[in-house]
N, C-alpha and C. Protein backbone atom coordinates (compact mmCIF):
# COMPACT_ATOMS: atom_id res chain seq x y z
N SER A 1 64.49 142.25 -56.15
CA SER A 1 63.48 142.96 -56.91
C SER A 1 62.60 141.96 -57.64
N PHE A 2 61.34 142.37 -57.91
CA PHE A 2 60.38 141.47 -58.55
C PHE A 2 60.67 141.39 -60.03
N ILE A 3 60.69 140.15 -60.55
CA ILE A 3 60.90 139.91 -61.97
C ILE A 3 59.67 139.20 -62.50
N SER A 4 59.12 139.67 -63.60
CA SER A 4 57.90 139.09 -64.13
C SER A 4 58.11 137.63 -64.50
N GLN A 5 57.05 136.82 -64.30
CA GLN A 5 57.12 135.39 -64.59
C GLN A 5 57.14 135.16 -66.09
N SER A 6 58.12 134.39 -66.57
CA SER A 6 58.16 134.05 -67.98
C SER A 6 57.27 132.85 -68.25
N LYS A 7 56.85 132.69 -69.50
CA LYS A 7 56.01 131.56 -69.88
C LYS A 7 56.85 130.30 -69.94
N PRO A 8 56.24 129.14 -69.63
CA PRO A 8 57.00 127.89 -69.75
C PRO A 8 57.43 127.64 -71.19
N HIS A 9 58.56 126.98 -71.35
CA HIS A 9 59.07 126.64 -72.68
C HIS A 9 58.62 125.22 -72.99
N SER A 10 57.82 125.06 -74.04
CA SER A 10 57.23 123.76 -74.37
C SER A 10 58.03 123.05 -75.44
N HIS A 11 58.23 121.76 -75.24
CA HIS A 11 58.86 120.89 -76.23
C HIS A 11 57.80 119.85 -76.60
N LEU A 12 57.00 120.16 -77.62
CA LEU A 12 55.86 119.33 -77.97
C LEU A 12 56.27 118.21 -78.92
N GLY A 13 55.38 117.23 -79.05
CA GLY A 13 55.62 116.14 -79.98
C GLY A 13 56.73 115.23 -79.48
N SER A 14 57.69 114.91 -80.36
CA SER A 14 58.72 113.94 -80.02
C SER A 14 60.09 114.52 -79.70
N PRO A 15 60.34 115.85 -79.77
CA PRO A 15 61.71 116.34 -79.58
C PRO A 15 62.33 115.97 -78.25
N TRP A 16 61.52 115.69 -77.19
CA TRP A 16 62.14 115.38 -75.91
C TRP A 16 62.95 114.09 -75.97
N LEU A 17 62.76 113.28 -77.02
CA LEU A 17 63.56 112.06 -77.16
C LEU A 17 65.04 112.37 -77.37
N LEU A 18 65.37 113.62 -77.74
CA LEU A 18 66.78 113.98 -77.92
C LEU A 18 67.55 113.77 -76.62
N MET A 19 66.90 113.97 -75.48
CA MET A 19 67.59 113.74 -74.22
C MET A 19 67.92 112.27 -74.03
N ALA A 20 67.05 111.38 -74.52
CA ALA A 20 67.34 109.95 -74.45
C ALA A 20 68.54 109.63 -75.33
N GLU A 21 68.65 110.28 -76.49
CA GLU A 21 69.79 110.05 -77.37
C GLU A 21 71.09 110.47 -76.69
N ILE A 22 71.06 111.59 -75.98
CA ILE A 22 72.24 112.05 -75.26
C ILE A 22 72.60 111.05 -74.16
N ALA A 23 71.58 110.58 -73.43
CA ALA A 23 71.83 109.68 -72.31
C ALA A 23 72.43 108.36 -72.76
N GLU A 24 72.14 107.94 -74.01
CA GLU A 24 72.61 106.66 -74.49
C GLU A 24 74.02 106.74 -75.08
N GLN A 25 74.60 107.94 -75.15
CA GLN A 25 75.95 108.04 -75.68
C GLN A 25 76.94 107.32 -74.78
N PRO A 26 77.91 106.60 -75.35
CA PRO A 26 78.88 105.90 -74.50
C PRO A 26 79.70 106.88 -73.67
N CYS A 27 79.90 106.54 -72.40
CA CYS A 27 80.66 107.41 -71.51
C CYS A 27 82.15 107.08 -71.64
N ARG A 28 82.95 108.11 -71.77
CA ARG A 28 84.40 107.92 -71.80
C ARG A 28 84.95 108.01 -70.38
N LYS A 29 86.02 107.28 -70.13
CA LYS A 29 86.57 107.22 -68.78
C LYS A 29 87.22 108.53 -68.39
N ARG A 30 87.07 108.89 -67.13
CA ARG A 30 87.68 110.10 -66.60
C ARG A 30 88.33 109.74 -65.27
N GLY A 31 89.53 110.25 -65.05
CA GLY A 31 90.17 110.04 -63.77
C GLY A 31 89.43 110.77 -62.67
N ARG A 32 89.28 110.15 -61.52
CA ARG A 32 88.55 110.78 -60.41
C ARG A 32 89.44 111.80 -59.73
N PRO A 33 88.95 113.04 -59.54
CA PRO A 33 89.76 114.04 -58.84
C PRO A 33 89.84 113.75 -57.35
N SER A 34 90.86 114.26 -56.73
CA SER A 34 90.99 114.10 -55.28
C SER A 34 89.86 114.82 -54.58
N ALA A 35 89.44 114.28 -53.42
CA ALA A 35 88.36 114.89 -52.66
C ALA A 35 88.72 116.27 -52.16
N THR A 36 90.01 116.61 -52.14
CA THR A 36 90.43 117.92 -51.64
C THR A 36 90.35 118.99 -52.72
N LEU A 37 90.09 118.61 -53.97
CA LEU A 37 90.07 119.57 -55.05
C LEU A 37 88.66 120.10 -55.27
N GLU A 38 88.58 121.26 -55.94
CA GLU A 38 87.28 121.84 -56.22
C GLU A 38 86.49 120.94 -57.17
N PRO A 39 85.17 120.91 -57.05
CA PRO A 39 84.38 119.93 -57.79
C PRO A 39 84.44 120.08 -59.31
N TRP A 40 84.72 121.31 -59.81
CA TRP A 40 84.72 121.47 -61.26
C TRP A 40 86.10 121.26 -61.88
N LEU A 41 87.09 120.92 -61.09
CA LEU A 41 88.46 120.86 -61.60
C LEU A 41 88.58 119.79 -62.70
N ALA A 42 89.01 120.24 -63.90
CA ALA A 42 89.23 119.36 -65.05
C ALA A 42 88.02 118.49 -65.36
N ALA A 43 86.81 119.03 -65.15
CA ALA A 43 85.59 118.22 -65.28
C ALA A 43 84.69 118.62 -66.44
N ASP A 44 85.09 119.59 -67.27
CA ASP A 44 84.25 119.97 -68.41
C ASP A 44 84.04 118.79 -69.35
N THR A 45 82.84 118.68 -69.88
CA THR A 45 82.46 117.56 -70.74
C THR A 45 81.78 118.13 -71.97
N TRP A 46 82.56 118.47 -72.99
CA TRP A 46 82.05 119.17 -74.16
C TRP A 46 81.61 118.20 -75.25
N TYR A 47 80.47 118.52 -75.88
CA TYR A 47 79.97 117.82 -77.05
C TYR A 47 79.73 118.84 -78.16
N THR A 48 79.70 118.35 -79.39
CA THR A 48 79.29 119.17 -80.53
C THR A 48 77.88 118.76 -80.90
N LEU A 49 76.92 119.69 -80.75
CA LEU A 49 75.54 119.41 -81.14
C LEU A 49 75.37 119.72 -82.61
N VAL A 50 74.95 118.75 -83.37
CA VAL A 50 74.70 118.91 -84.81
C VAL A 50 73.25 118.57 -85.06
N ASN A 51 72.47 119.53 -85.57
CA ASN A 51 71.05 119.27 -85.80
C ASN A 51 70.71 119.41 -87.27
N GLU A 52 69.51 118.94 -87.62
CA GLU A 52 69.10 118.84 -89.01
C GLU A 52 68.76 120.19 -89.64
N THR A 53 68.54 121.21 -88.83
CA THR A 53 68.05 122.47 -89.36
C THR A 53 69.12 123.54 -89.49
N SER A 54 70.35 123.26 -89.05
CA SER A 54 71.39 124.28 -89.09
C SER A 54 72.73 123.64 -89.46
N SER A 55 73.49 124.37 -90.27
CA SER A 55 74.83 123.89 -90.64
C SER A 55 75.89 124.37 -89.66
N THR A 56 75.50 125.22 -88.71
CA THR A 56 76.44 125.75 -87.72
C THR A 56 76.40 124.91 -86.45
N PRO A 57 77.52 124.31 -86.04
CA PRO A 57 77.50 123.49 -84.83
C PRO A 57 77.36 124.33 -83.57
N CYS A 58 76.86 123.70 -82.54
CA CYS A 58 76.75 124.32 -81.23
C CYS A 58 77.53 123.45 -80.26
N TYR A 59 78.33 124.07 -79.41
CA TYR A 59 79.15 123.33 -78.46
C TYR A 59 78.48 123.37 -77.08
N TRP A 60 78.32 122.21 -76.49
CA TRP A 60 77.51 122.07 -75.27
C TRP A 60 78.31 121.33 -74.20
N ASN A 61 78.37 121.93 -73.02
CA ASN A 61 79.07 121.36 -71.87
C ASN A 61 78.04 120.71 -70.96
N ALA A 62 78.00 119.38 -70.94
CA ALA A 62 77.00 118.68 -70.14
C ALA A 62 77.20 118.94 -68.65
N ARG A 63 78.42 119.25 -68.22
CA ARG A 63 78.67 119.50 -66.80
C ARG A 63 77.92 120.72 -66.30
N THR A 64 77.97 121.81 -67.06
CA THR A 64 77.36 123.06 -66.63
C THR A 64 76.01 123.34 -67.29
N GLY A 65 75.76 122.75 -68.46
CA GLY A 65 74.58 123.08 -69.24
C GLY A 65 74.83 124.20 -70.23
N LEU A 66 76.04 124.75 -70.27
CA LEU A 66 76.37 125.87 -71.15
C LEU A 66 76.38 125.42 -72.60
N ALA A 67 75.75 126.22 -73.48
CA ALA A 67 75.79 126.00 -74.93
C ALA A 67 76.30 127.27 -75.58
N GLN A 68 77.22 127.13 -76.54
CA GLN A 68 77.80 128.30 -77.19
C GLN A 68 78.17 127.98 -78.62
N SER A 69 78.30 129.04 -79.44
CA SER A 69 78.61 128.85 -80.85
C SER A 69 80.11 128.72 -81.11
N GLU A 70 80.94 129.23 -80.18
CA GLU A 70 82.39 129.18 -80.36
C GLU A 70 82.95 127.89 -79.76
N ALA A 71 83.90 127.28 -80.46
CA ALA A 71 84.54 126.08 -79.93
C ALA A 71 85.32 126.43 -78.67
N PRO A 72 85.17 125.69 -77.59
CA PRO A 72 85.89 126.01 -76.35
C PRO A 72 87.39 125.85 -76.51
N THR A 73 88.13 126.77 -75.91
CA THR A 73 89.59 126.76 -76.01
C THR A 73 90.26 126.34 -74.71
N GLY A 74 89.53 126.39 -73.59
CA GLY A 74 90.13 126.09 -72.30
C GLY A 74 90.70 127.30 -71.60
N PHE A 75 90.55 128.49 -72.22
CA PHE A 75 91.11 129.71 -71.63
C PHE A 75 90.03 130.75 -71.37
N LYS A 76 90.26 131.59 -70.36
CA LYS A 76 89.38 132.72 -70.07
C LYS A 76 89.74 133.89 -70.97
N ALA A 77 88.91 134.93 -70.91
CA ALA A 77 89.16 136.11 -71.74
C ALA A 77 90.48 136.79 -71.40
N ASP A 78 90.94 136.67 -70.15
CA ASP A 78 92.20 137.29 -69.76
C ASP A 78 93.42 136.45 -70.09
N GLY A 79 93.21 135.29 -70.75
CA GLY A 79 94.32 134.44 -71.15
C GLY A 79 94.70 133.37 -70.16
N SER A 80 94.10 133.38 -68.98
CA SER A 80 94.42 132.36 -67.98
C SER A 80 93.66 131.07 -68.28
N ARG A 81 94.22 129.97 -67.84
CA ARG A 81 93.63 128.66 -68.10
C ARG A 81 92.45 128.40 -67.18
N ARG A 82 91.37 127.85 -67.72
CA ARG A 82 90.22 127.49 -66.90
C ARG A 82 90.55 126.25 -66.06
N ARG A 83 90.23 126.32 -64.78
CA ARG A 83 90.47 125.18 -63.90
C ARG A 83 89.60 123.98 -64.29
N SER A 84 88.49 124.26 -64.94
CA SER A 84 87.54 123.20 -65.29
C SER A 84 87.91 122.48 -66.58
N ALA A 85 88.89 123.00 -67.34
CA ALA A 85 89.25 122.41 -68.64
C ALA A 85 90.41 121.45 -68.48
N ALA A 86 90.19 120.20 -68.85
CA ALA A 86 91.25 119.19 -68.74
C ALA A 86 92.38 119.51 -69.72
N GLU A 87 93.61 119.31 -69.29
CA GLU A 87 94.78 119.56 -70.14
C GLU A 87 95.30 118.28 -70.77
N GLU A 88 94.75 117.14 -70.39
CA GLU A 88 95.15 115.87 -70.98
C GLU A 88 94.00 114.88 -70.84
N GLY A 89 94.14 113.75 -71.52
CA GLY A 89 93.11 112.72 -71.44
C GLY A 89 92.05 112.86 -72.51
N GLU A 90 91.00 112.07 -72.39
CA GLU A 90 89.97 112.01 -73.43
C GLU A 90 89.12 113.27 -73.52
N TRP A 91 89.04 114.04 -72.42
CA TRP A 91 88.22 115.26 -72.41
C TRP A 91 89.07 116.52 -72.50
N VAL A 92 90.26 116.42 -73.07
CA VAL A 92 91.16 117.56 -73.17
C VAL A 92 90.50 118.70 -73.95
N VAL A 93 90.76 119.93 -73.51
CA VAL A 93 90.23 121.14 -74.16
C VAL A 93 91.41 122.04 -74.52
N PRO A 94 91.54 122.45 -75.82
CA PRO A 94 90.69 122.03 -76.94
C PRO A 94 90.99 120.59 -77.34
N GLY A 95 90.00 119.97 -77.99
CA GLY A 95 90.15 118.58 -78.37
C GLY A 95 89.11 118.20 -79.39
N LEU A 96 88.90 116.91 -79.56
CA LEU A 96 87.89 116.40 -80.47
C LEU A 96 86.61 116.14 -79.68
N PHE A 97 85.67 117.06 -79.76
CA PHE A 97 84.44 116.94 -78.98
C PHE A 97 83.46 116.04 -79.74
N PRO A 98 83.00 114.95 -79.12
CA PRO A 98 82.15 114.00 -79.84
C PRO A 98 80.86 114.64 -80.35
N ASN A 99 80.45 114.23 -81.54
CA ASN A 99 79.24 114.76 -82.15
C ASN A 99 78.00 114.09 -81.57
N LEU A 100 76.95 114.88 -81.35
CA LEU A 100 75.63 114.36 -81.04
C LEU A 100 74.71 114.78 -82.17
N GLN A 101 74.27 113.82 -82.97
CA GLN A 101 73.35 114.10 -84.07
C GLN A 101 71.94 114.15 -83.51
N LEU A 102 71.38 115.35 -83.41
CA LEU A 102 70.07 115.52 -82.79
C LEU A 102 69.07 116.08 -83.78
N PRO A 103 67.77 115.76 -83.59
CA PRO A 103 66.76 116.31 -84.50
C PRO A 103 66.59 117.82 -84.36
N ILE A 104 66.87 118.36 -83.17
CA ILE A 104 66.81 119.80 -82.95
C ILE A 104 67.96 120.18 -82.02
N SER A 105 68.31 121.46 -82.00
CA SER A 105 69.29 121.95 -81.04
C SER A 105 68.52 122.47 -79.84
N CYS A 106 68.89 122.03 -78.65
CA CYS A 106 68.09 122.37 -77.48
C CYS A 106 68.96 122.86 -76.32
N PRO A 107 69.59 124.04 -76.46
CA PRO A 107 70.31 124.61 -75.33
C PRO A 107 69.31 125.10 -74.28
N PRO A 108 69.77 125.43 -73.08
CA PRO A 108 68.85 125.95 -72.05
C PRO A 108 68.12 127.19 -72.55
N PRO A 109 66.89 127.42 -72.08
CA PRO A 109 66.09 128.56 -72.55
C PRO A 109 66.72 129.90 -72.21
N GLU A 110 66.45 130.89 -73.06
CA GLU A 110 66.88 132.27 -72.82
C GLU A 110 65.81 132.98 -71.99
N VAL A 111 66.12 133.27 -70.74
CA VAL A 111 65.24 134.04 -69.86
C VAL A 111 66.09 135.08 -69.14
N ASP A 112 65.46 135.96 -68.37
CA ASP A 112 66.20 136.93 -67.59
C ASP A 112 67.19 136.20 -66.67
N GLU A 113 68.31 136.85 -66.39
CA GLU A 113 69.39 136.19 -65.66
C GLU A 113 68.95 135.63 -64.31
N LEU A 114 68.07 136.32 -63.62
CA LEU A 114 67.63 135.89 -62.30
C LEU A 114 66.34 135.10 -62.34
N GLU A 115 65.88 134.75 -63.53
CA GLU A 115 64.60 134.06 -63.69
C GLU A 115 64.83 132.58 -63.99
N PRO A 116 64.24 131.67 -63.22
CA PRO A 116 64.34 130.25 -63.56
C PRO A 116 63.62 129.96 -64.88
N ALA A 117 64.03 128.89 -65.54
CA ALA A 117 63.40 128.47 -66.80
C ALA A 117 62.58 127.22 -66.55
N GLU A 118 61.28 127.33 -66.75
CA GLU A 118 60.40 126.17 -66.66
C GLU A 118 60.22 125.59 -68.06
N GLU A 119 60.43 124.28 -68.20
CA GLU A 119 60.26 123.62 -69.48
C GLU A 119 59.20 122.52 -69.36
N VAL A 120 58.34 122.45 -70.36
CA VAL A 120 57.31 121.41 -70.43
C VAL A 120 57.69 120.45 -71.54
N TRP A 121 57.85 119.18 -71.18
CA TRP A 121 58.28 118.17 -72.14
C TRP A 121 57.10 117.30 -72.53
N GLY A 122 56.77 117.31 -73.85
CA GLY A 122 55.61 116.56 -74.30
C GLY A 122 54.34 117.14 -73.69
N ALA A 123 53.51 116.29 -73.13
CA ALA A 123 52.26 116.76 -72.52
C ALA A 123 52.49 117.40 -71.16
N GLY A 124 53.66 117.20 -70.58
CA GLY A 124 53.96 117.80 -69.28
C GLY A 124 53.20 117.20 -68.12
N GLU A 125 52.68 115.98 -68.30
CA GLU A 125 51.86 115.36 -67.26
C GLU A 125 52.67 114.49 -66.30
N GLY A 126 53.97 114.32 -66.58
CA GLY A 126 54.82 113.51 -65.71
C GLY A 126 55.34 114.30 -64.53
N PRO A 127 56.32 113.74 -63.80
CA PRO A 127 56.85 114.41 -62.61
C PRO A 127 57.59 115.71 -62.95
N LEU A 128 57.81 116.49 -61.91
CA LEU A 128 58.60 117.72 -62.00
C LEU A 128 60.01 117.43 -61.49
N PHE A 129 61.02 117.90 -62.24
CA PHE A 129 62.42 117.75 -61.85
C PHE A 129 63.06 119.14 -61.77
N THR A 130 63.71 119.45 -60.66
CA THR A 130 64.31 120.76 -60.47
C THR A 130 65.79 120.63 -60.13
N ALA A 131 66.56 121.66 -60.53
CA ALA A 131 68.01 121.70 -60.25
C ALA A 131 68.37 123.09 -59.77
N PRO A 132 68.11 123.41 -58.49
CA PRO A 132 68.35 124.76 -57.99
C PRO A 132 69.81 125.14 -57.89
N HIS A 133 70.72 124.16 -57.84
CA HIS A 133 72.14 124.45 -57.66
C HIS A 133 72.94 124.19 -58.93
N GLY A 134 72.33 124.42 -60.09
CA GLY A 134 73.05 124.31 -61.34
C GLY A 134 74.03 125.46 -61.57
N VAL A 135 73.88 126.54 -60.80
CA VAL A 135 74.81 127.67 -60.84
C VAL A 135 75.26 127.98 -59.41
N SER A 136 76.28 128.79 -59.27
CA SER A 136 76.76 129.20 -57.95
C SER A 136 75.82 130.24 -57.36
N LEU A 137 75.44 130.06 -56.09
CA LEU A 137 74.44 130.91 -55.45
C LEU A 137 74.91 131.40 -54.08
N LEU A 138 74.40 132.57 -53.68
CA LEU A 138 74.74 133.18 -52.40
C LEU A 138 73.95 132.55 -51.26
N ARG A 139 74.62 132.42 -50.08
CA ARG A 139 73.98 131.89 -48.88
C ARG A 139 74.27 132.82 -47.71
N ASP A 140 73.36 132.85 -46.76
CA ASP A 140 73.52 133.71 -45.59
C ASP A 140 74.69 133.24 -44.73
N GLU A 141 75.64 134.16 -44.48
CA GLU A 141 76.73 133.94 -43.52
C GLU A 141 77.52 132.66 -43.81
N ARG A 142 77.55 132.25 -45.07
CA ARG A 142 78.32 131.07 -45.47
C ARG A 142 78.92 131.33 -46.84
N PRO A 143 79.95 130.59 -47.23
CA PRO A 143 80.48 130.77 -48.59
C PRO A 143 79.42 130.46 -49.63
N ALA A 144 79.59 131.01 -50.80
CA ALA A 144 78.64 130.76 -51.88
C ALA A 144 78.56 129.26 -52.16
N HIS A 145 77.38 128.81 -52.52
CA HIS A 145 77.18 127.41 -52.87
C HIS A 145 77.74 127.18 -54.27
N LEU A 146 78.69 126.27 -54.40
CA LEU A 146 79.29 125.98 -55.70
C LEU A 146 78.30 125.23 -56.58
N PRO A 147 78.46 125.33 -57.90
CA PRO A 147 77.55 124.59 -58.81
C PRO A 147 77.67 123.08 -58.59
N GLU A 148 76.55 122.41 -58.70
CA GLU A 148 76.52 120.96 -58.60
C GLU A 148 76.52 120.39 -60.02
N ASP A 149 77.64 119.79 -60.39
CA ASP A 149 77.87 119.37 -61.77
C ASP A 149 76.79 118.43 -62.29
N PHE A 150 76.39 118.65 -63.54
CA PHE A 150 75.49 117.80 -64.31
C PHE A 150 74.04 117.82 -63.81
N THR A 151 73.73 118.57 -62.73
CA THR A 151 72.35 118.52 -62.23
C THR A 151 71.37 119.18 -63.18
N THR A 152 71.80 120.24 -63.89
CA THR A 152 70.92 120.86 -64.89
C THR A 152 70.57 119.85 -65.98
N PHE A 153 71.58 119.15 -66.49
CA PHE A 153 71.34 118.14 -67.52
C PHE A 153 70.42 117.03 -67.02
N ILE A 154 70.66 116.54 -65.79
CA ILE A 154 69.87 115.44 -65.26
C ILE A 154 68.40 115.84 -65.10
N ALA A 155 68.15 117.04 -64.58
CA ALA A 155 66.77 117.49 -64.41
C ALA A 155 66.06 117.59 -65.75
N ARG A 156 66.74 118.13 -66.77
CA ARG A 156 66.13 118.25 -68.09
C ARG A 156 65.93 116.88 -68.73
N MET A 157 66.93 116.01 -68.61
CA MET A 157 66.85 114.69 -69.24
C MET A 157 65.71 113.88 -68.63
N TRP A 158 65.63 113.85 -67.30
CA TRP A 158 64.58 113.06 -66.67
C TRP A 158 63.20 113.65 -66.93
N GLY A 159 63.12 114.99 -66.94
CA GLY A 159 61.85 115.61 -67.30
C GLY A 159 61.42 115.23 -68.70
N ALA A 160 62.41 115.20 -69.62
CA ALA A 160 62.11 114.85 -71.01
C ALA A 160 61.70 113.39 -71.14
N LEU A 161 62.44 112.50 -70.50
CA LEU A 161 62.14 111.07 -70.61
C LEU A 161 60.80 110.71 -70.00
N CYS A 162 60.38 111.46 -68.98
CA CYS A 162 59.12 111.18 -68.29
C CYS A 162 57.95 111.97 -68.86
N GLY A 163 58.21 112.83 -69.86
CA GLY A 163 57.14 113.67 -70.38
C GLY A 163 56.57 114.59 -69.31
N GLY A 164 57.46 115.12 -68.46
CA GLY A 164 57.01 115.98 -67.37
C GLY A 164 57.48 117.41 -67.54
N ARG A 165 58.00 117.99 -66.46
CA ARG A 165 58.48 119.36 -66.47
C ARG A 165 59.85 119.42 -65.78
N SER A 166 60.61 120.46 -66.12
CA SER A 166 61.87 120.72 -65.44
C SER A 166 61.98 122.21 -65.16
N VAL A 167 62.61 122.55 -64.06
CA VAL A 167 62.90 123.94 -63.71
C VAL A 167 64.39 124.03 -63.43
N ILE A 168 65.08 124.87 -64.20
CA ILE A 168 66.52 125.06 -64.10
C ILE A 168 66.79 126.55 -64.17
N TRP A 169 68.05 126.95 -63.99
CA TRP A 169 68.44 128.32 -64.30
C TRP A 169 68.64 128.45 -65.80
N GLY A 170 68.34 129.62 -66.35
CA GLY A 170 68.39 129.82 -67.79
C GLY A 170 69.80 129.99 -68.34
N ALA A 171 69.86 130.15 -69.66
CA ALA A 171 71.15 130.21 -70.36
C ALA A 171 72.04 131.35 -69.86
N LYS A 172 71.47 132.52 -69.57
CA LYS A 172 72.28 133.67 -69.13
C LYS A 172 72.93 133.40 -67.78
N ALA A 173 72.16 132.83 -66.85
CA ALA A 173 72.70 132.53 -65.53
C ALA A 173 73.78 131.46 -65.62
N ILE A 174 73.54 130.43 -66.44
CA ILE A 174 74.53 129.36 -66.60
C ILE A 174 75.81 129.91 -67.21
N GLU A 175 75.67 130.77 -68.23
CA GLU A 175 76.84 131.36 -68.87
C GLU A 175 77.64 132.20 -67.89
N PHE A 176 76.95 133.01 -67.06
CA PHE A 176 77.66 133.85 -66.09
C PHE A 176 78.40 132.99 -65.08
N SER A 177 77.75 131.98 -64.54
CA SER A 177 78.37 131.14 -63.53
C SER A 177 79.57 130.38 -64.09
N ALA A 178 79.43 129.86 -65.32
CA ALA A 178 80.53 129.11 -65.92
C ALA A 178 81.69 130.02 -66.30
N ARG A 179 81.38 131.24 -66.78
CA ARG A 179 82.44 132.14 -67.25
C ARG A 179 83.22 132.75 -66.09
N THR A 180 82.53 133.16 -65.03
CA THR A 180 83.18 133.88 -63.93
C THR A 180 83.57 132.98 -62.76
N GLU A 181 82.96 131.80 -62.67
CA GLU A 181 83.18 130.90 -61.54
C GLU A 181 82.89 131.61 -60.22
N THR A 182 81.88 132.47 -60.23
CA THR A 182 81.45 133.18 -59.03
C THR A 182 79.93 133.06 -58.91
N ALA A 183 79.42 133.46 -57.74
CA ALA A 183 77.98 133.38 -57.49
C ALA A 183 77.20 134.36 -58.36
N LEU A 184 76.03 133.96 -58.76
CA LEU A 184 75.15 134.81 -59.55
C LEU A 184 74.71 135.99 -58.70
N PRO A 185 75.00 137.24 -59.11
CA PRO A 185 74.66 138.40 -58.28
C PRO A 185 73.17 138.49 -57.98
N ASP A 186 72.84 138.73 -56.73
CA ASP A 186 71.46 138.96 -56.27
C ASP A 186 70.59 137.71 -56.35
N ALA A 187 71.16 136.56 -56.68
CA ALA A 187 70.39 135.31 -56.69
C ALA A 187 70.67 134.55 -55.40
N ARG A 188 69.63 134.20 -54.69
CA ARG A 188 69.78 133.56 -53.39
C ARG A 188 69.56 132.05 -53.51
N ASP A 189 70.32 131.30 -52.73
CA ASP A 189 70.11 129.86 -52.66
C ASP A 189 68.70 129.62 -52.13
N PRO A 190 67.85 128.88 -52.86
CA PRO A 190 66.47 128.64 -52.38
C PRO A 190 66.41 127.98 -51.01
N ASN A 191 67.46 127.24 -50.64
CA ASN A 191 67.46 126.58 -49.33
C ASN A 191 67.70 127.55 -48.18
N TYR A 192 68.08 128.80 -48.48
CA TYR A 192 68.39 129.78 -47.45
C TYR A 192 67.41 130.96 -47.44
N LEU A 193 66.28 130.80 -48.09
CA LEU A 193 65.32 131.90 -48.13
C LEU A 193 64.62 132.07 -46.78
N LEU A 194 64.35 133.33 -46.44
CA LEU A 194 63.51 133.64 -45.29
C LEU A 194 62.05 133.54 -45.72
N GLU A 195 61.17 133.28 -44.77
CA GLU A 195 59.75 133.15 -45.10
C GLU A 195 59.23 134.39 -45.79
N ALA A 196 59.72 135.56 -45.38
CA ALA A 196 59.26 136.82 -45.96
C ALA A 196 59.68 136.98 -47.43
N GLU A 197 60.68 136.20 -47.87
CA GLU A 197 61.18 136.31 -49.24
C GLU A 197 60.43 135.42 -50.23
N LEU A 198 59.64 134.48 -49.74
CA LEU A 198 59.05 133.48 -50.61
C LEU A 198 58.10 134.08 -51.65
N ALA A 199 57.38 135.13 -51.28
CA ALA A 199 56.39 135.69 -52.20
C ALA A 199 57.01 136.30 -53.44
N CYS A 200 58.20 136.88 -53.33
CA CYS A 200 58.80 137.57 -54.48
C CYS A 200 60.04 136.89 -55.02
N ASN A 201 60.50 135.80 -54.40
CA ASN A 201 61.67 135.11 -54.92
C ASN A 201 61.33 134.39 -56.22
N PRO A 202 62.11 134.61 -57.30
CA PRO A 202 61.77 134.03 -58.60
C PRO A 202 61.68 132.50 -58.58
N TRP A 203 62.62 131.83 -57.87
CA TRP A 203 62.59 130.37 -57.87
C TRP A 203 61.33 129.84 -57.17
N ALA A 204 61.05 130.36 -55.98
CA ALA A 204 59.88 129.92 -55.24
C ALA A 204 58.59 130.25 -55.99
N ARG A 205 58.56 131.42 -56.62
CA ARG A 205 57.36 131.82 -57.36
C ARG A 205 57.12 130.91 -58.57
N THR A 206 58.18 130.53 -59.26
CA THR A 206 58.02 129.64 -60.41
C THR A 206 57.43 128.30 -59.99
N LEU A 207 57.93 127.73 -58.90
CA LEU A 207 57.39 126.46 -58.43
C LEU A 207 55.93 126.60 -58.02
N ARG A 208 55.61 127.70 -57.37
CA ARG A 208 54.25 127.91 -56.87
C ARG A 208 53.24 128.03 -58.01
N GLN A 209 53.66 128.52 -59.17
CA GLN A 209 52.74 128.78 -60.27
C GLN A 209 52.61 127.61 -61.24
N ILE A 210 53.30 126.51 -60.98
CA ILE A 210 53.14 125.33 -61.84
C ILE A 210 51.80 124.68 -61.55
N PRO A 211 50.96 124.52 -62.55
CA PRO A 211 49.61 123.98 -62.30
C PRO A 211 49.65 122.49 -61.95
N GLY A 212 48.87 122.11 -60.96
CA GLY A 212 48.72 120.71 -60.60
C GLY A 212 50.01 120.01 -60.26
N ARG A 213 50.92 120.70 -59.58
CA ARG A 213 52.21 120.09 -59.27
C ARG A 213 52.02 118.87 -58.39
N GLY A 214 52.54 117.73 -58.84
CA GLY A 214 52.41 116.49 -58.09
C GLY A 214 53.76 115.98 -57.64
N LEU A 215 54.19 114.84 -58.18
CA LEU A 215 55.46 114.25 -57.81
C LEU A 215 56.61 115.16 -58.22
N HIS A 216 57.50 115.47 -57.28
CA HIS A 216 58.56 116.46 -57.49
C HIS A 216 59.89 115.87 -57.03
N PHE A 217 60.87 115.81 -57.96
CA PHE A 217 62.22 115.35 -57.65
C PHE A 217 63.16 116.54 -57.70
N ASP A 218 63.81 116.84 -56.58
CA ASP A 218 64.76 117.95 -56.50
C ASP A 218 66.17 117.37 -56.62
N ILE A 219 66.88 117.71 -57.71
CA ILE A 219 68.15 117.05 -58.04
C ILE A 219 69.32 117.81 -57.42
N HIS A 220 70.17 117.07 -56.69
CA HIS A 220 71.34 117.67 -56.07
C HIS A 220 72.57 116.81 -56.31
N GLY A 221 73.75 117.42 -56.15
CA GLY A 221 75.01 116.72 -56.35
C GLY A 221 75.69 116.44 -55.03
N LYS A 222 76.81 115.74 -55.12
CA LYS A 222 77.60 115.40 -53.94
C LYS A 222 79.06 115.30 -54.33
N ARG A 223 79.93 115.82 -53.49
CA ARG A 223 81.37 115.76 -53.76
C ARG A 223 81.85 114.31 -53.75
N ASP A 224 82.77 114.00 -54.69
CA ASP A 224 83.40 112.68 -54.70
C ASP A 224 84.30 112.52 -53.49
N ASN A 225 84.21 111.39 -52.82
CA ASN A 225 85.10 111.06 -51.71
C ASN A 225 85.81 109.75 -52.02
N GLU A 226 87.11 109.73 -51.82
CA GLU A 226 87.90 108.56 -52.19
C GLU A 226 87.47 107.31 -51.44
N ALA A 227 86.96 107.47 -50.21
CA ALA A 227 86.62 106.31 -49.39
C ALA A 227 85.27 105.70 -49.74
N GLU A 228 84.51 106.32 -50.64
CA GLU A 228 83.17 105.83 -50.95
C GLU A 228 83.15 105.09 -52.28
């Protein structure tokens, strides 16, 4: 079904530098999962976002892009353990989530669940960065495409550092995909669209309506392989 196009979300002035601050944080070591395991297994990477305008912390998972007000516990609503939450090591959940002192809090934009979020960083004159597989998506006659870890963060960070634009799935879609670990209902993988679907598909329509689109980087992930 047709969903109206939302306006781009602008980050004017200097706030896009917050992505540079996140990128410069020291990386803690993580054991590499076996190539036979699912890509999100024990891979959650939680931070505590602390900004100057609010006394309430926000918890942000760089792997999925999910931001929430409740501290993550590692469990689902039914009491079962999340496969993505590490039970030991430096990224254990629950645990001590490192603080990121940021000038503003910048979780993914709130848009309709099936609507991509276009963000303009600074003047928006730099390259476009997209992350179509930041959530699980349906494909024709094949299993659902699993989320590609950290691609939402990378697209936003590079868009911010370059003063360009980024297109990702919004907060509602990210929350659904992370919470249920299933494909987003009625959302199609852009790589599997039929030509007849291009005119009304939200992802294709968002890209088409970006003014003066020039250099475009489409960000994708790859499964870890022990031999590489």
